[in-house]
Amino acid sequence: MELFFEIFLAAMAVFGLWCALRLLSYGIFGSPAIGTVIEVLDKETAARLPSLLEEVRYAPFGRRKAPLIVLYSADLCLEYGTPDEHEQGLIAHYGGRWYVVEGKRKETDAGGTGE
């Protein structure tokens, strides 16, 4: 049984080293064109925007210089208006840009095709 644990421990060490090298290579050689998108489709998500922006920028393994885009649903903007100056300033503070896009509201149908 002791041999099994030694083999298991060695396998986990190799796996940990592989993960660390992969994470490091992603940070060094990853494309700067790949970024993060926050999709704001409802009022609840809009209310949580400050915490979402902070989560994206201060994620432990996130890239700090990656592009950040906030997409607002056109339906939401028609209903509640575009982001106010405070929200726009917050998005700019975190290095992001915001756009209004045509989009569907979140659907609860888990088996849908998204069409």
C-alpha atoms as a PDB file:
ATOM      1  CA  MET A   1       0.000   0.000   0.000  1.00  0.00           C
ATOM      2  CA  GLU A   2       2.918   2.330   0.725  1.00  0.00           C
ATOM      3  CA  LEU A   3       4.183   1.900  -2.848  1.00  0.00           C
ATOM      4  CA  PHE A   4       0.790   3.008  -4.177  1.00  0.00           C
ATOM      5  CA  PHE A   5       0.937   6.270  -2.198  1.00  0.00           C
ATOM      6  CA  GLU A   6       4.486   6.981  -3.357  1.00  0.00           C
ATOM      7  CA  ILE A   7       3.478   6.463  -6.988  1.00  0.00           C
ATOM      8  CA  PHE A   8       0.376   8.614  -6.466  1.00  0.00           C
ATOM      9  CA  LEU A   9       2.456  11.366  -4.841  1.00  0.00           C
ATOM     10  CA  ALA A  10       4.958  11.303  -7.725  1.00  0.00           C
ATOM     11  CA  ALA A  11       2.136  11.472 -10.279  1.00  0.00           C
ATOM     12  CA  MET A  12       0.588  14.478  -8.488  1.00  0.00           C
ATOM     13  CA  ALA A  13       3.977  16.228  -8.411  1.00  0.00           C
ATOM     14  CA  VAL A  14       4.393  15.753 -12.169  1.00  0.00           C
ATOM     15  CA  PHE A  15       0.831  16.974 -12.760  1.00  0.00           C
ATOM     16  CA  GLY A  16       1.440  20.056 -10.571  1.00  0.00           C
ATOM     17  CA  LEU A  17       4.617  20.895 -12.439  1.00  0.00           C
ATOM     18  CA  TRP A  18       2.829  20.516 -15.779  1.00  0.00           C
ATOM     19  CA  CYS A  19       0.013  22.842 -14.619  1.00  0.00           C
ATOM     20  CA  ALA A  20       2.484  25.447 -13.363  1.00  0.00           C
ATOM     21  CA  LEU A  21       4.427  25.420 -16.633  1.00  0.00           C
ATOM     22  CA  ARG A  22       1.230  25.688 -18.650  1.00  0.00           C
ATOM     23  CA  LEU A  23       0.016  28.630 -16.561  1.00  0.00           C
ATOM     24  CA  LEU A  24       3.363  30.375 -16.890  1.00  0.00           C
ATOM     25  CA  SER A  25       3.503  29.845 -20.653  1.00  0.00           C
ATOM     26  CA  TYR A  26      -0.040  31.174 -21.034  1.00  0.00           C
ATOM     27  CA  GLY A  27       0.930  34.319 -19.155  1.00  0.00           C
ATOM     28  CA  ILE A  28       4.096  34.875 -21.191  1.00  0.00           C
ATOM     29  CA  PHE A  29       3.121  33.709 -24.663  1.00  0.00           C
ATOM     30  CA  GLY A  30      -0.658  34.233 -24.633  1.00  0.00           C
ATOM     31  CA  SER A  31      -2.160  36.486 -27.281  1.00  0.00           C
ATOM     32  CA  PRO A  32      -2.923  40.032 -26.100  1.00  0.00           C
ATOM     33  CA  ALA A  33      -5.968  40.027 -28.390  1.00  0.00           C
ATOM     34  CA  ILE A  34      -7.789  37.483 -26.214  1.00  0.00           C
ATOM     35  CA  GLY A  35      -9.720  39.151 -23.432  1.00  0.00           C
ATOM     36  CA  THR A  36     -12.789  39.009 -21.226  1.00  0.00           C
ATOM     37  CA  VAL A  37     -16.391  39.892 -21.991  1.00  0.00           C
ATOM     38  CA  ILE A  38     -19.029  40.715 -19.378  1.00  0.00           C
ATOM     39  CA  GLU A  39     -22.493  40.287 -20.829  1.00  0.00           C
ATOM     40  CA  VAL A  40     -25.150  42.450 -19.134  1.00  0.00           C
ATOM     41  CA  LEU A  41     -28.542  41.088 -20.147  1.00  0.00           C
ATOM     42  CA  ASP A  42     -30.669  41.953 -17.116  1.00  0.00           C
ATOM     43  CA  LYS A  43     -30.955  44.497 -14.314  1.00  0.00           C
ATOM     44  CA  GLU A  44     -29.526  42.084 -11.713  1.00  0.00           C
ATOM     45  CA  THR A  45     -26.297  41.682 -13.680  1.00  0.00           C
ATOM     46  CA  ALA A  46     -26.135  45.456 -14.178  1.00  0.00           C
ATOM     47  CA  ALA A  47     -26.429  45.927 -10.414  1.00  0.00           C
ATOM     48  CA  ARG A  48     -23.535  43.502  -9.860  1.00  0.00           C
ATOM     49  CA  LEU A  49     -21.307  45.174 -12.455  1.00  0.00           C
ATOM     50  CA  PRO A  50     -18.821  46.699  -9.947  1.00  0.00           C
ATOM     51  CA  SER A  51     -18.143  43.333  -8.341  1.00  0.00           C
ATOM     52  CA  LEU A  52     -17.886  41.624 -11.743  1.00  0.00           C
ATOM     53  CA  LEU A  53     -15.339  44.188 -12.951  1.00  0.00           C
ATOM     54  CA  GLU A  54     -13.295  43.759  -9.783  1.00  0.00           C
ATOM     55  CA  GLU A  55     -13.449  39.975 -10.076  1.00  0.00           C
ATOM     56  CA  VAL A  56     -12.173  40.085 -13.653  1.00  0.00           C
ATOM     57  CA  ARG A  57      -9.264  42.410 -12.935  1.00  0.00           C
ATOM     58  CA  TYR A  58      -8.130  40.843  -9.668  1.00  0.00           C
ATOM     59  CA  ALA A  59      -8.648  37.184 -10.511  1.00  0.00           C
ATOM     60  CA  PRO A  60      -5.625  35.246  -9.260  1.00  0.00           C
ATOM     61  CA  PHE A  61      -4.755  33.800 -12.660  1.00  0.00           C
ATOM     62  CA  GLY A  62      -6.204  36.510 -14.888  1.00  0.00           C
ATOM     63  CA  ARG A  63      -4.094  38.588 -17.240  1.00  0.00           C
ATOM     64  CA  ARG A  64      -4.016  42.242 -16.225  1.00  0.00           C
ATOM     65  CA  LYS A  65      -3.505  43.708 -19.695  1.00  0.00           C
ATOM     66  CA  ALA A  66      -6.149  41.600 -21.456  1.00  0.00           C
ATOM     67  CA  PRO A  67      -8.936  43.569 -23.167  1.00  0.00           C
ATOM     68  CA  LEU A  68     -12.134  43.960 -21.149  1.00  0.00           C
ATOM     69  CA  ILE A  69     -15.435  44.505 -22.945  1.00  0.00           C
ATOM     70  CA  VAL A  70     -18.846  45.044 -21.332  1.00  0.00           C
ATOM     71  CA  LEU A  71     -21.775  44.244 -23.630  1.00  0.00           C
ATOM     72  CA  TYR A  72     -25.133  45.756 -22.710  1.00  0.00           C
ATOM     73  CA  SER A  73     -28.282  44.275 -24.184  1.00  0.00           C
ATOM     74  CA  ALA A  74     -30.188  46.716 -26.387  1.00  0.00           C
ATOM     75  CA  ASP A  75     -33.430  45.594 -24.723  1.00  0.00           C
ATOM     76  CA  LEU A  76     -32.007  46.483 -21.317  1.00  0.00           C
ATOM     77  CA  CYS A  77     -30.856  49.881 -22.570  1.00  0.00           C
ATOM     78  CA  LEU A  78     -34.287  50.595 -24.044  1.00  0.00           C
ATOM     79  CA  GLU A  79     -35.930  49.690 -20.771  1.00  0.00           C
ATOM     80  CA  TYR A  80     -33.533  51.341 -18.293  1.00  0.00           C
ATOM     81  CA  GLY A  81     -31.292  53.558 -20.425  1.00  0.00           C
ATOM     82  CA  THR A  82     -27.609  53.357 -21.258  1.00  0.00           C
ATOM     83  CA  PRO A  83     -25.013  53.099 -18.483  1.00  0.00           C
ATOM     84  CA  ASP A  84     -24.809  56.294 -16.451  1.00  0.00           C
ATOM     85  CA  GLU A  85     -21.621  58.309 -15.975  1.00  0.00           C
ATOM     86  CA  HIS A  86     -20.725  56.413 -12.798  1.00  0.00           C
ATOM     87  CA  GLU A  87     -20.907  53.038 -14.561  1.00  0.00           C
ATOM     88  CA  GLN A  88     -19.015  54.368 -17.573  1.00  0.00           C
ATOM     89  CA  GLY A  89     -16.313  55.749 -15.281  1.00  0.00           C
ATOM     90  CA  LEU A  90     -16.097  52.436 -13.428  1.00  0.00           C
ATOM     91  CA  ILE A  91     -15.697  50.505 -16.674  1.00  0.00           C
ATOM     92  CA  ALA A  92     -12.997  52.948 -17.821  1.00  0.00           C
ATOM     93  CA  HIS A  93     -11.242  52.678 -14.443  1.00  0.00           C
ATOM     94  CA  TYR A  94     -10.834  48.930 -14.949  1.00  0.00           C
ATOM     95  CA  GLY A  95      -9.555  49.487 -18.499  1.00  0.00           C
ATOM     96  CA  GLY A  96     -12.705  48.339 -20.247  1.00  0.00           C
ATOM     97  CA  ARG A  97     -14.964  49.546 -23.012  1.00  0.00           C
ATOM     98  CA  TRP A  98     -18.723  49.150 -23.244  1.00  0.00           C
ATOM     99  CA  TYR A  99     -21.015  48.570 -26.193  1.00  0.00           C
ATOM    100  CA  VAL A 100     -24.735  48.144 -26.742  1.00  0.00           C
ATOM    101  CA  VAL A 101     -25.539  45.017 -28.735  1.00  0.00           C
ATOM    102  CA  GLU A 102     -28.603  43.201 -29.921  1.00  0.00           C
ATOM    103  CA  GLY A 103     -29.001  40.201 -27.701  1.00  0.00           C
ATOM    104  CA  LYS A 104     -31.535  37.819 -26.356  1.00  0.00           C
ATOM    105  CA  ARG A 105     -32.500  37.702 -22.725  1.00  0.00           C
ATOM    106  CA  LYS A 106     -31.240  34.781 -20.690  1.00  0.00           C
ATOM    107  CA  GLU A 107     -33.338  31.721 -21.255  1.00  0.00           C
ATOM    108  CA  THR A 108     -33.987  29.087 -18.617  1.00  0.00           C
ATOM    109  CA  ASP A 109     -34.279  26.277 -21.165  1.00  0.00           C
ATOM    110  CA  ALA A 110     -31.131  24.223 -20.587  1.00  0.00           C
ATOM    111  CA  GLY A 111     -31.688  22.106 -23.679  1.00  0.00           C
ATOM    112  CA  GLY A 112     -32.121  24.975 -26.118  1.00  0.00           C
ATOM    113  CA  THR A 113     -29.890  25.496 -29.120  1.00  0.00           C
ATOM    114  CA  GLY A 114     -29.500  29.230 -28.552  1.00  0.00           C
ATOM    115  CA  GLU A 115     -31.158  30.104 -31.861  1.00  0.00           C
END
